[in-house]
Amino acid sequence: MPSTLADKATAFRALHRRGATLVMPNAWDAGSARLLESLGFQALATTSAGINFAHGIPDGPDAAPYDLTMTRHGEIAVAVEVPVNGDLENGYGDSPEAVAACITDAIKHGMAGGGIEDYTGNPDKPYYDIELAAERIVAAREAADASGIDFTLTARAECFLYGHDDPLPEAIKRLNRFREAGADCLYAPGPTDDATLKRFVAEVDGPINVVVGQGGGASVERMAELGITRISTGGSLFRAVYGSVLEFGKAMAEEGAFPHLDDVISDGKMSGLVTGRFRDR
């Protein structure tokens, strides 16, 4: 099992080799990270949505205080022995220099990899111009390389999420440009249908990440057949947990019933999971 961050980064980079499909679920705190690690996953990611929502903050690059975000990333990284990939939104700044500083901080907080979006946070102009977006990836790559570890840099094209008129060709163009700029893994969140993913695999020159959890009947077997290198879950596990809390709470408030008691995890098992002393496999 990797011990140092350098070891974790090297192991994480190796998990992106062609011909293998990595399942990388997203945790939002140390407890969820340890629970997922107990199931045998080889790497985890953070979820900005889960971290923000858990603090009563909406999702988005400017919604959460930067220090809170980095602190929570650090708590997740040190809680587990497996590599952790940081959901770093848009790098918490528009300039290449801001993105470089974010990558440097993420590595200091224990991230073996991280993703940078091309979403500006401005709904009137949601995407950075492609060359500025590429310069931001160049800056991220240089900061990662300066750390001395094999940091895995993911570049995201957000075309499907914010109303682009023709998202697929634009995403392909952007992802290939980001690959040229130094990204190791490419990611256009949104589609999970076979036709779109086949085009990504065929026309994007690099490993592809797909996020699941918005429907579509995804499976590891199907993604592997399509040639997808990495599967993440985004904020879907967090939403599933809070969805259950909502339903159980409604049953208590409206019906006077306690359906969650039938399948609740025992205190002993929960303690073992969150402290890393139990492996549920």
C-alpha atoms as a PDB file:
ATOM      1  CA  MET A   1       0.000   0.000   0.000  1.00  0.00           C
ATOM      2  CA  PRO A   2       1.440   3.444  -0.890  1.00  0.00           C
ATOM      3  CA  SER A   3       2.618   5.390   2.147  1.00  0.00           C
ATOM      4  CA  THR A   4       4.026   8.751   1.062  1.00  0.00           C
ATOM      5  CA  LEU A   5       2.275  11.229  -1.208  1.00  0.00           C
ATOM      6  CA  ALA A   6       4.883  10.559  -3.885  1.00  0.00           C
ATOM      7  CA  ASP A   7       4.077   6.844  -3.703  1.00  0.00           C
ATOM      8  CA  LYS A   8       0.359   7.538  -3.869  1.00  0.00           C
ATOM      9  CA  ALA A   9       0.793   9.833  -6.872  1.00  0.00           C
ATOM     10  CA  THR A  10       2.853   7.242  -8.733  1.00  0.00           C
ATOM     11  CA  ALA A  11       0.267   4.560  -7.985  1.00  0.00           C
ATOM     12  CA  PHE A  12      -2.567   6.853  -9.071  1.00  0.00           C
ATOM     13  CA  ARG A  13      -0.873   7.701 -12.357  1.00  0.00           C
ATOM     14  CA  ALA A  14      -0.437   3.962 -13.072  1.00  0.00           C
ATOM     15  CA  LEU A  15      -4.178   3.420 -12.589  1.00  0.00           C
ATOM     16  CA  HIS A  16      -4.827   5.550 -15.688  1.00  0.00           C
ATOM     17  CA  ARG A  17      -3.150   3.199 -18.117  1.00  0.00           C
ATOM     18  CA  ARG A  18      -5.076   2.282 -21.236  1.00  0.00           C
ATOM     19  CA  GLY A  19      -7.014  -0.963 -21.111  1.00  0.00           C
ATOM     20  CA  ALA A  20      -8.102  -0.664 -17.481  1.00  0.00           C
ATOM     21  CA  THR A  21     -11.159   1.056 -15.990  1.00  0.00           C
ATOM     22  CA  LEU A  22     -10.727   2.676 -12.585  1.00  0.00           C
ATOM     23  CA  VAL A  23     -13.756   3.246 -10.360  1.00  0.00           C
ATOM     24  CA  MET A  24     -13.044   6.334  -8.235  1.00  0.00           C
ATOM     25  CA  PRO A  25     -15.947   7.267  -5.900  1.00  0.00           C
ATOM     26  CA  ASN A  26     -16.138  10.765  -4.442  1.00  0.00           C
ATOM     27  CA  ALA A  27     -16.003  11.374  -0.678  1.00  0.00           C
ATOM     28  CA  TRP A  28     -16.950  14.564   1.154  1.00  0.00           C
ATOM     29  CA  ASP A  29     -15.316  14.043   4.563  1.00  0.00           C
ATOM     30  CA  ALA A  30     -12.898  11.744   6.376  1.00  0.00           C
ATOM     31  CA  GLY A  31     -15.642   9.355   7.466  1.00  0.00           C
ATOM     32  CA  SER A  32     -17.085   8.824   3.997  1.00  0.00           C
ATOM     33  CA  ALA A  33     -13.555   8.418   2.627  1.00  0.00           C
ATOM     34  CA  ARG A  34     -12.698   5.699   5.133  1.00  0.00           C
ATOM     35  CA  LEU A  35     -15.979   3.912   4.532  1.00  0.00           C
ATOM     36  CA  LEU A  36     -15.321   3.849   0.771  1.00  0.00           C
ATOM     37  CA  GLU A  37     -11.708   2.801   1.279  1.00  0.00           C
ATOM     38  CA  SER A  38     -12.940  -0.136   3.366  1.00  0.00           C
ATOM     39  CA  LEU A  39     -14.692  -1.477   0.262  1.00  0.00           C
ATOM     40  CA  GLY A  40     -11.429  -1.895  -1.587  1.00  0.00           C
ATOM     41  CA  PHE A  41     -11.408   1.033  -4.013  1.00  0.00           C
ATOM     42  CA  GLN A  42      -7.895   1.784  -5.263  1.00  0.00           C
ATOM     43  CA  ALA A  43      -8.390   5.556  -5.346  1.00  0.00           C
ATOM     44  CA  LEU A  44     -10.913   8.138  -4.181  1.00  0.00           C
ATOM     45  CA  ALA A  45     -11.853  11.647  -5.181  1.00  0.00           C
ATOM     46  CA  THR A  46     -13.335  14.575  -3.334  1.00  0.00           C
ATOM     47  CA  THR A  47     -16.623  16.213  -4.322  1.00  0.00           C
ATOM     48  CA  SER A  48     -16.914  19.979  -4.167  1.00  0.00           C
ATOM     49  CA  ALA A  49     -20.709  19.647  -4.225  1.00  0.00           C
ATOM     50  CA  GLY A  50     -20.709  17.269  -1.262  1.00  0.00           C
ATOM     51  CA  ILE A  51     -18.236  19.375   0.722  1.00  0.00           C
ATOM     52  CA  ASN A  52     -20.214  22.552   0.072  1.00  0.00           C
ATOM     53  CA  PHE A  53     -23.646  21.053   0.708  1.00  0.00           C
ATOM     54  CA  ALA A  54     -22.436  19.465   3.961  1.00  0.00           C
ATOM     55  CA  HIS A  55     -21.581  22.977   5.134  1.00  0.00           C
ATOM     56  CA  GLY A  56     -24.892  24.471   4.019  1.00  0.00           C
ATOM     57  CA  ILE A  57     -23.279  26.188   1.025  1.00  0.00           C
ATOM     58  CA  PRO A  58     -24.405  25.952  -2.635  1.00  0.00           C
ATOM     59  CA  ASP A  59     -22.090  24.329  -5.145  1.00  0.00           C
ATOM     60  CA  GLY A  60     -19.901  26.540  -7.309  1.00  0.00           C
ATOM     61  CA  PRO A  61     -16.331  27.837  -7.586  1.00  0.00           C
ATOM     62  CA  ASP A  62     -16.929  30.954  -5.470  1.00  0.00           C
ATOM     63  CA  ALA A  63     -19.471  29.567  -3.018  1.00  0.00           C
ATOM     64  CA  ALA A  64     -17.230  28.073  -0.319  1.00  0.00           C
ATOM     65  CA  PRO A  65     -14.341  29.783   1.439  1.00  0.00           C
ATOM     66  CA  TYR A  66     -11.101  28.614  -0.135  1.00  0.00           C
ATOM     67  CA  ASP A  67      -9.528  27.665   3.191  1.00  0.00           C
ATOM     68  CA  LEU A  68     -12.537  25.527   4.120  1.00  0.00           C
ATOM     69  CA  THR A  69     -12.289  23.669   0.830  1.00  0.00           C
ATOM     70  CA  MET A  70      -8.581  22.977   1.159  1.00  0.00           C
ATOM     71  CA  THR A  71      -8.909  21.989   4.811  1.00  0.00           C
ATOM     72  CA  ARG A  72     -11.554  19.414   3.987  1.00  0.00           C
ATOM     73  CA  HIS A  73      -9.438  18.080   1.097  1.00  0.00           C
ATOM     74  CA  GLY A  74      -6.563  17.656   3.518  1.00  0.00           C
ATOM     75  CA  GLU A  75      -8.737  15.847   6.058  1.00  0.00           C
ATOM     76  CA  ILE A  76      -9.853  13.385   3.392  1.00  0.00           C
ATOM     77  CA  ALA A  77      -6.329  12.823   2.074  1.00  0.00           C
ATOM     78  CA  VAL A  78      -4.773  12.012   5.442  1.00  0.00           C
ATOM     79  CA  ALA A  79      -7.700   9.805   6.491  1.00  0.00           C
ATOM     80  CA  VAL A  80      -6.990   7.121   3.891  1.00  0.00           C
ATOM     81  CA  GLU A  81      -4.046   5.168   2.518  1.00  0.00           C
ATOM     82  CA  VAL A  82      -5.197   5.264  -1.105  1.00  0.00           C
ATOM     83  CA  PRO A  83      -4.550   8.157  -3.523  1.00  0.00           C
ATOM     84  CA  VAL A  84      -7.067  11.008  -3.533  1.00  0.00           C
ATOM     85  CA  ASN A  85      -7.998  13.180  -6.523  1.00  0.00           C
ATOM     86  CA  GLY A  86      -9.127  16.720  -5.716  1.00  0.00           C
ATOM     87  CA  ASP A  87     -12.256  18.299  -7.180  1.00  0.00           C
ATOM     88  CA  LEU A  88     -10.708  21.754  -7.511  1.00  0.00           C
ATOM     89  CA  GLU A  89     -13.527  23.405  -9.469  1.00  0.00           C
ATOM     90  CA  ASN A  90     -12.087  26.170 -11.694  1.00  0.00           C
ATOM     91  CA  GLY A  91      -8.913  26.514  -9.657  1.00  0.00           C
ATOM     92  CA  TYR A  92     -10.509  29.193  -7.473  1.00  0.00           C
ATOM     93  CA  GLY A  93      -9.440  32.020  -9.737  1.00  0.00           C
ATOM     94  CA  ASP A  94      -9.491  33.121 -13.341  1.00  0.00           C
ATOM     95  CA  SER A  95      -5.798  33.638 -13.983  1.00  0.00           C
ATOM     96  CA  PRO A  96      -3.233  30.935 -14.745  1.00  0.00           C
ATOM     97  CA  GLU A  97      -1.355  32.115 -11.650  1.00  0.00           C
ATOM     98  CA  ALA A  98      -4.391  31.453  -9.447  1.00  0.00           C
ATOM     99  CA  VAL A  99      -4.752  27.962 -10.893  1.00  0.00           C
ATOM    100  CA  ALA A 100      -1.066  27.233 -10.282  1.00  0.00           C
ATOM    101  CA  ALA A 101      -1.403  28.347  -6.661  1.00  0.00           C
ATOM    102  CA  CYS A 102      -4.454  26.104  -6.241  1.00  0.00           C
ATOM    103  CA  ILE A 103      -2.579  23.067  -7.565  1.00  0.00           C
ATOM    104  CA  THR A 104       0.358  23.801  -5.262  1.00  0.00           C
ATOM    105  CA  ASP A 105      -2.009  24.051  -2.276  1.00  0.00           C
ATOM    106  CA  ALA A 106      -3.826  20.870  -3.252  1.00  0.00           C
ATOM    107  CA  ILE A 107      -0.553  18.950  -3.304  1.00  0.00           C
ATOM    108  CA  LYS A 108       0.412  20.416   0.074  1.00  0.00           C
ATOM    109  CA  HIS A 109      -2.904  19.112   1.387  1.00  0.00           C
ATOM    110  CA  GLY A 110      -2.193  15.587   0.110  1.00  0.00           C
ATOM    111  CA  MET A 111      -3.827  15.390  -3.298  1.00  0.00           C
ATOM    112  CA  ALA A 112      -2.287  12.878  -5.733  1.00  0.00           C
ATOM    113  CA  GLY A 113      -4.263  14.401  -8.582  1.00  0.00           C
ATOM    114  CA  GLY A 114      -6.833  17.063  -9.275  1.00  0.00           C
ATOM    115  CA  GLY A 115      -9.238  18.442 -11.823  1.00  0.00           C
ATOM    116  CA  ILE A 116      -9.556  21.966 -13.234  1.00  0.00           C
ATOM    117  CA  GLU A 117     -12.752  23.146 -14.954  1.00  0.00           C
ATOM    118  CA  ASP A 118     -13.110  25.633 -17.800  1.00  0.00           C
ATOM    119  CA  TYR A 119     -16.280  27.073 -16.206  1.00  0.00           C
ATOM    120  CA  THR A 120     -15.944  30.728 -15.207  1.00  0.00           C
ATOM    121  CA  GLY A 121     -18.750  30.823 -12.660  1.00  0.00           C
ATOM    122  CA  ASN A 122     -20.342  33.635 -14.674  1.00  0.00           C
ATOM    123  CA  PRO A 123     -23.633  32.491 -16.259  1.00  0.00           C
ATOM    124  CA  ASP A 124     -23.406  35.282 -18.849  1.00  0.00           C
ATOM    125  CA  LYS A 125     -20.032  33.995 -20.072  1.00  0.00           C
ATOM    126  CA  PRO A 126     -19.760  30.491 -18.661  1.00  0.00           C
ATOM    127  CA  TYR A 127     -16.620  29.264 -20.456  1.00  0.00           C
ATOM    128  CA  TYR A 128     -13.115  30.631 -20.543  1.00  0.00           C
ATOM    129  CA  ASP A 129     -11.891  31.369 -24.050  1.00  0.00           C
ATOM    130  CA  ILE A 130     -10.177  28.202 -25.205  1.00  0.00           C
ATOM    131  CA  GLU A 131      -6.667  29.650 -25.275  1.00  0.00           C
ATOM    132  CA  LEU A 132      -6.990  31.137 -21.785  1.00  0.00           C
ATOM    133  CA  ALA A 133      -8.407  27.813 -20.616  1.00  0.00           C
ATOM    134  CA  ALA A 134      -5.373  26.079 -22.131  1.00  0.00           C
ATOM    135  CA  GLU A 135      -2.993  28.552 -20.481  1.00  0.00           C
ATOM    136  CA  ARG A 136      -4.611  27.698 -17.159  1.00  0.00           C
ATOM    137  CA  ILE A 137      -3.881  24.000 -17.780  1.00  0.00           C
ATOM    138  CA  VAL A 138      -0.287  24.818 -18.723  1.00  0.00           C
ATOM    139  CA  ALA A 139       0.091  26.686 -15.422  1.00  0.00           C
ATOM    140  CA  ALA A 140      -1.447  23.771 -13.527  1.00  0.00           C
ATOM    141  CA  ARG A 141       0.929  21.339 -15.246  1.00  0.00           C
ATOM    142  CA  GLU A 142       3.961  23.468 -14.402  1.00  0.00           C
ATOM    143  CA  ALA A 143       2.917  23.758 -10.752  1.00  0.00           C
ATOM    144  CA  ALA A 144       2.303  20.021 -10.547  1.00  0.00           C
ATOM    145  CA  ASP A 145       5.663  19.193 -12.102  1.00  0.00           C
ATOM    146  CA  ALA A 146       7.437  21.617  -9.767  1.00  0.00           C
ATOM    147  CA  SER A 147       6.155  19.591  -6.807  1.00  0.00           C
ATOM    148  CA  GLY A 148       8.305  16.618  -7.778  1.00  0.00           C
ATOM    149  CA  ILE A 149       5.449  14.093  -7.605  1.00  0.00           C
ATOM    150  CA  ASP A 150       3.616  12.333 -10.462  1.00  0.00           C
ATOM    151  CA  PHE A 151       0.508  14.468 -10.004  1.00  0.00           C
ATOM    152  CA  THR A 152      -2.326  13.395 -12.323  1.00  0.00           C
ATOM    153  CA  LEU A 153      -3.889  16.512 -13.837  1.00  0.00           C
ATOM    154  CA  THR A 154      -7.464  16.279 -15.110  1.00  0.00           C
ATOM    155  CA  ALA A 155      -8.903  18.977 -17.381  1.00  0.00           C
ATOM    156  CA  ARG A 156     -12.648  19.413 -17.646  1.00  0.00           C
ATOM    157  CA  ALA A 157     -14.777  20.843 -20.445  1.00  0.00           C
ATOM    158  CA  GLU A 158     -18.106  21.943 -18.994  1.00  0.00           C
ATOM    159  CA  CYS A 159     -19.931  22.367 -22.317  1.00  0.00           C
ATOM    160  CA  PHE A 160     -22.778  19.968 -21.491  1.00  0.00           C
ATOM    161  CA  LEU A 161     -23.613  21.576 -18.141  1.00  0.00           C
ATOM    162  CA  TYR A 162     -24.086  25.244 -18.948  1.00  0.00           C
ATOM    163  CA  GLY A 163     -26.090  25.464 -22.141  1.00  0.00           C
ATOM    164  CA  HIS A 164     -23.568  25.406 -24.960  1.00  0.00           C
ATOM    165  CA  ASP A 165     -25.325  25.394 -28.344  1.00  0.00           C
ATOM    166  CA  ASP A 166     -23.236  22.511 -29.745  1.00  0.00           C
ATOM    167  CA  PRO A 167     -21.546  20.858 -26.769  1.00  0.00           C
ATOM    168  CA  LEU A 168     -20.081  17.663 -28.213  1.00  0.00           C
ATOM    169  CA  PRO A 169     -17.713  19.044 -30.891  1.00  0.00           C
ATOM    170  CA  GLU A 170     -16.789  21.943 -28.632  1.00  0.00           C
ATOM    171  CA  ALA A 171     -15.966  19.580 -25.775  1.00  0.00           C
ATOM    172  CA  ILE A 172     -13.847  17.383 -28.051  1.00  0.00           C
ATOM    173  CA  LYS A 173     -11.950  20.428 -29.337  1.00  0.00           C
ATOM    174  CA  ARG A 174     -11.346  21.734 -25.833  1.00  0.00           C
ATOM    175  CA  LEU A 175     -10.286  18.407 -24.356  1.00  0.00           C
ATOM    176  CA  ASN A 176      -7.746  17.840 -27.127  1.00  0.00           C
ATOM    177  CA  ARG A 177      -6.391  21.348 -26.578  1.00  0.00           C
ATOM    178  CA  PHE A 178      -6.131  20.658 -22.852  1.00  0.00           C
ATOM    179  CA  ARG A 179      -4.285  17.428 -23.571  1.00  0.00           C
ATOM    180  CA  GLU A 180      -1.769  19.398 -25.630  1.00  0.00           C
ATOM    181  CA  ALA A 181      -1.449  21.801 -22.693  1.00  0.00           C
ATOM    182  CA  GLY A 182      -0.436  19.001 -20.332  1.00  0.00           C
ATOM    183  CA  ALA A 183      -3.546  17.302 -18.950  1.00  0.00           C
ATOM    184  CA  ASP A 184      -3.267  13.596 -18.137  1.00  0.00           C
ATOM    185  CA  CYS A 185      -6.983  12.806 -18.031  1.00  0.00           C
ATOM    186  CA  LEU A 186      -9.908  14.457 -19.854  1.00  0.00           C
ATOM    187  CA  TYR A 187     -13.437  14.929 -18.627  1.00  0.00           C
ATOM    188  CA  ALA A 188     -16.669  16.423 -20.019  1.00  0.00           C
ATOM    189  CA  PRO A 189     -19.278  15.835 -17.304  1.00  0.00           C
ATOM    190  CA  GLY A 190     -22.848  15.140 -18.352  1.00  0.00           C
ATOM    191  CA  PRO A 191     -23.310  12.477 -21.043  1.00  0.00           C
ATOM    192  CA  THR A 192     -23.228   8.762 -20.319  1.00  0.00           C
ATOM    193  CA  ASP A 193     -24.863   7.464 -23.505  1.00  0.00           C
ATOM    194  CA  ASP A 194     -22.935   5.053 -25.702  1.00  0.00           C
ATOM    195  CA  ALA A 195     -22.873   7.201 -28.842  1.00  0.00           C
ATOM    196  CA  THR A 196     -21.362  10.236 -27.115  1.00  0.00           C
ATOM    197  CA  LEU A 197     -18.836   8.261 -25.108  1.00  0.00           C
ATOM    198  CA  LYS A 198     -17.706   6.363 -28.210  1.00  0.00           C
ATOM    199  CA  ARG A 199     -16.984   9.682 -29.897  1.00  0.00           C
ATOM    200  CA  PHE A 200     -15.004  10.895 -26.899  1.00  0.00           C
ATOM    201  CA  VAL A 201     -12.898   7.746 -26.863  1.00  0.00           C
ATOM    202  CA  ALA A 202     -12.356   7.849 -30.624  1.00  0.00           C
ATOM    203  CA  GLU A 203     -11.708  11.580 -31.026  1.00  0.00           C
ATOM    204  CA  VAL A 204     -10.044  12.689 -27.780  1.00  0.00           C
ATOM    205  CA  ASP A 205      -6.345  11.906 -27.484  1.00  0.00           C
ATOM    206  CA  GLY A 206      -6.138  10.792 -23.878  1.00  0.00           C
ATOM    207  CA  PRO A 207      -7.755   8.852 -21.029  1.00  0.00           C
ATOM    208  CA  ILE A 208     -11.417   9.735 -20.464  1.00  0.00           C
ATOM    209  CA  ASN A 209     -13.219  10.160 -17.140  1.00  0.00           C
ATOM    210  CA  VAL A 210     -17.003   9.722 -17.007  1.00  0.00           C
ATOM    211  CA  VAL A 211     -19.122  10.781 -14.047  1.00  0.00           C
ATOM    212  CA  VAL A 212     -22.095   8.550 -13.233  1.00  0.00           C
ATOM    213  CA  GLY A 213     -25.009   9.150 -10.936  1.00  0.00           C
ATOM    214  CA  GLN A 214     -27.464  11.124 -13.071  1.00  0.00           C
ATOM    215  CA  GLY A 215     -29.246   8.098 -14.544  1.00  0.00           C
ATOM    216  CA  GLY A 216     -28.453   6.245 -17.735  1.00  0.00           C
ATOM    217  CA  GLY A 217     -27.921   2.710 -16.439  1.00  0.00           C
ATOM    218  CA  ALA A 218     -24.132   2.926 -16.299  1.00  0.00           C
ATOM    219  CA  SER A 219     -22.047  -0.078 -15.279  1.00  0.00           C
ATOM    220  CA  VAL A 220     -18.338  -0.731 -15.010  1.00  0.00           C
ATOM    221  CA  GLU A 221     -18.589  -3.481 -17.606  1.00  0.00           C
ATOM    222  CA  ARG A 222     -20.287  -1.195 -20.115  1.00  0.00           C
ATOM    223  CA  MET A 223     -17.838   1.658 -19.533  1.00  0.00           C
ATOM    224  CA  ALA A 224     -14.903  -0.694 -19.936  1.00  0.00           C
ATOM    225  CA  GLU A 225     -16.308  -1.972 -23.230  1.00  0.00           C
ATOM    226  CA  LEU A 226     -16.548   1.622 -24.452  1.00  0.00           C
ATOM    227  CA  GLY A 227     -12.912   2.278 -23.549  1.00  0.00           C
ATOM    228  CA  ILE A 228     -13.486   4.610 -20.592  1.00  0.00           C
ATOM    229  CA  THR A 229     -10.419   4.851 -18.355  1.00  0.00           C
ATOM    230  CA  ARG A 230     -11.935   6.287 -15.174  1.00  0.00           C
ATOM    231  CA  ILE A 231     -15.389   6.443 -13.581  1.00  0.00           C
ATOM    232  CA  SER A 232     -16.206   8.943 -10.847  1.00  0.00           C
ATOM    233  CA  THR A 233     -19.464   9.540  -8.980  1.00  0.00           C
ATOM    234  CA  GLY A 234     -19.372  13.304  -8.440  1.00  0.00           C
ATOM    235  CA  GLY A 235     -21.833  14.399  -5.769  1.00  0.00           C
ATOM    236  CA  SER A 236     -24.239  11.500  -6.346  1.00  0.00           C
ATOM    237  CA  LEU A 237     -23.240   9.459  -3.281  1.00  0.00           C
ATOM    238  CA  PHE A 238     -23.659  12.538  -1.102  1.00  0.00           C
ATOM    239  CA  ARG A 239     -27.065  13.233  -2.633  1.00  0.00           C
ATOM    240  CA  ALA A 240     -28.059   9.605  -2.104  1.00  0.00           C
ATOM    241  CA  VAL A 241     -27.179   9.829   1.584  1.00  0.00           C
ATOM    242  CA  TYR A 242     -29.021  13.103   2.079  1.00  0.00           C
ATOM    243  CA  GLY A 243     -31.923  11.811  -0.007  1.00  0.00           C
ATOM    244  CA  SER A 244     -32.297   8.955   2.468  1.00  0.00           C
ATOM    245  CA  VAL A 245     -32.122  11.376   5.402  1.00  0.00           C
ATOM    246  CA  LEU A 246     -34.854  13.450   3.739  1.00  0.00           C
ATOM    247  CA  GLU A 247     -37.142  10.455   3.234  1.00  0.00           C
ATOM    248  CA  PHE A 248     -36.575   9.095   6.748  1.00  0.00           C
ATOM    249  CA  GLY A 249     -37.089  12.551   8.213  1.00  0.00           C
ATOM    250  CA  LYS A 250     -40.381  12.961   6.328  1.00  0.00           C
ATOM    251  CA  ALA A 251     -41.550   9.581   7.639  1.00  0.00           C
ATOM    252  CA  MET A 252     -40.784  10.665  11.204  1.00  0.00           C
ATOM    253  CA  ALA A 253     -42.335  14.119  10.821  1.00  0.00           C
ATOM    254  CA  GLU A 254     -45.418  13.197   8.803  1.00  0.00           C
ATOM    255  CA  GLU A 255     -46.187   9.575   9.749  1.00  0.00           C
ATOM    256  CA  GLY A 256     -44.589   9.121  13.148  1.00  0.00           C
ATOM    257  CA  ALA A 257     -42.647   6.182  11.703  1.00  0.00           C
ATOM    258  CA  PHE A 258     -38.961   5.266  11.943  1.00  0.00           C
ATOM    259  CA  PRO A 259     -38.195   3.152   8.841  1.00  0.00           C
ATOM    260  CA  HIS A 260     -34.453   3.779   9.011  1.00  0.00           C
ATOM    261  CA  LEU A 261     -34.181   1.719  12.199  1.00  0.00           C
ATOM    262  CA  ASP A 262     -34.655  -1.521  10.248  1.00  0.00           C
ATOM    263  CA  ASP A 263     -31.314  -1.311   8.419  1.00  0.00           C
ATOM    264  CA  VAL A 264     -29.189   1.025  10.511  1.00  0.00           C
ATOM    265  CA  ILE A 265     -25.466   0.264  10.806  1.00  0.00           C
ATOM    266  CA  SER A 266     -24.445  -0.581  14.354  1.00  0.00           C
ATOM    267  CA  ASP A 267     -22.349   1.857  16.366  1.00  0.00           C
ATOM    268  CA  GLY A 268     -19.549  -0.696  16.528  1.00  0.00           C
ATOM    269  CA  LYS A 269     -19.402  -1.209  12.788  1.00  0.00           C
ATOM    270  CA  MET A 270     -19.699   2.519  12.114  1.00  0.00           C
ATOM    271  CA  SER A 271     -16.880   3.242  14.539  1.00  0.00           C
ATOM    272  CA  GLY A 272     -14.695   0.668  12.837  1.00  0.00           C
ATOM    273  CA  LEU A 273     -15.427   2.080   9.390  1.00  0.00           C
ATOM    274  CA  VAL A 274     -14.730   5.728  10.164  1.00  0.00           C
ATOM    275  CA  THR A 275     -11.595   4.979  12.177  1.00  0.00           C
ATOM    276  CA  GLY A 276     -10.178   2.679   9.510  1.00  0.00           C
ATOM    277  CA  ARG A 277     -10.150  -0.402  11.730  1.00  0.00           C
ATOM    278  CA  PHE A 278     -12.780  -2.305   9.762  1.00  0.00           C
ATOM    279  CA  ARG A 279     -12.754  -3.562   6.202  1.00  0.00           C
ATOM    280  CA  ASP A 280     -16.222  -4.285   4.824  1.00  0.00           C
ATOM    281  CA  ARG A 281     -15.147  -6.848   2.235  1.00  0.00           C
END
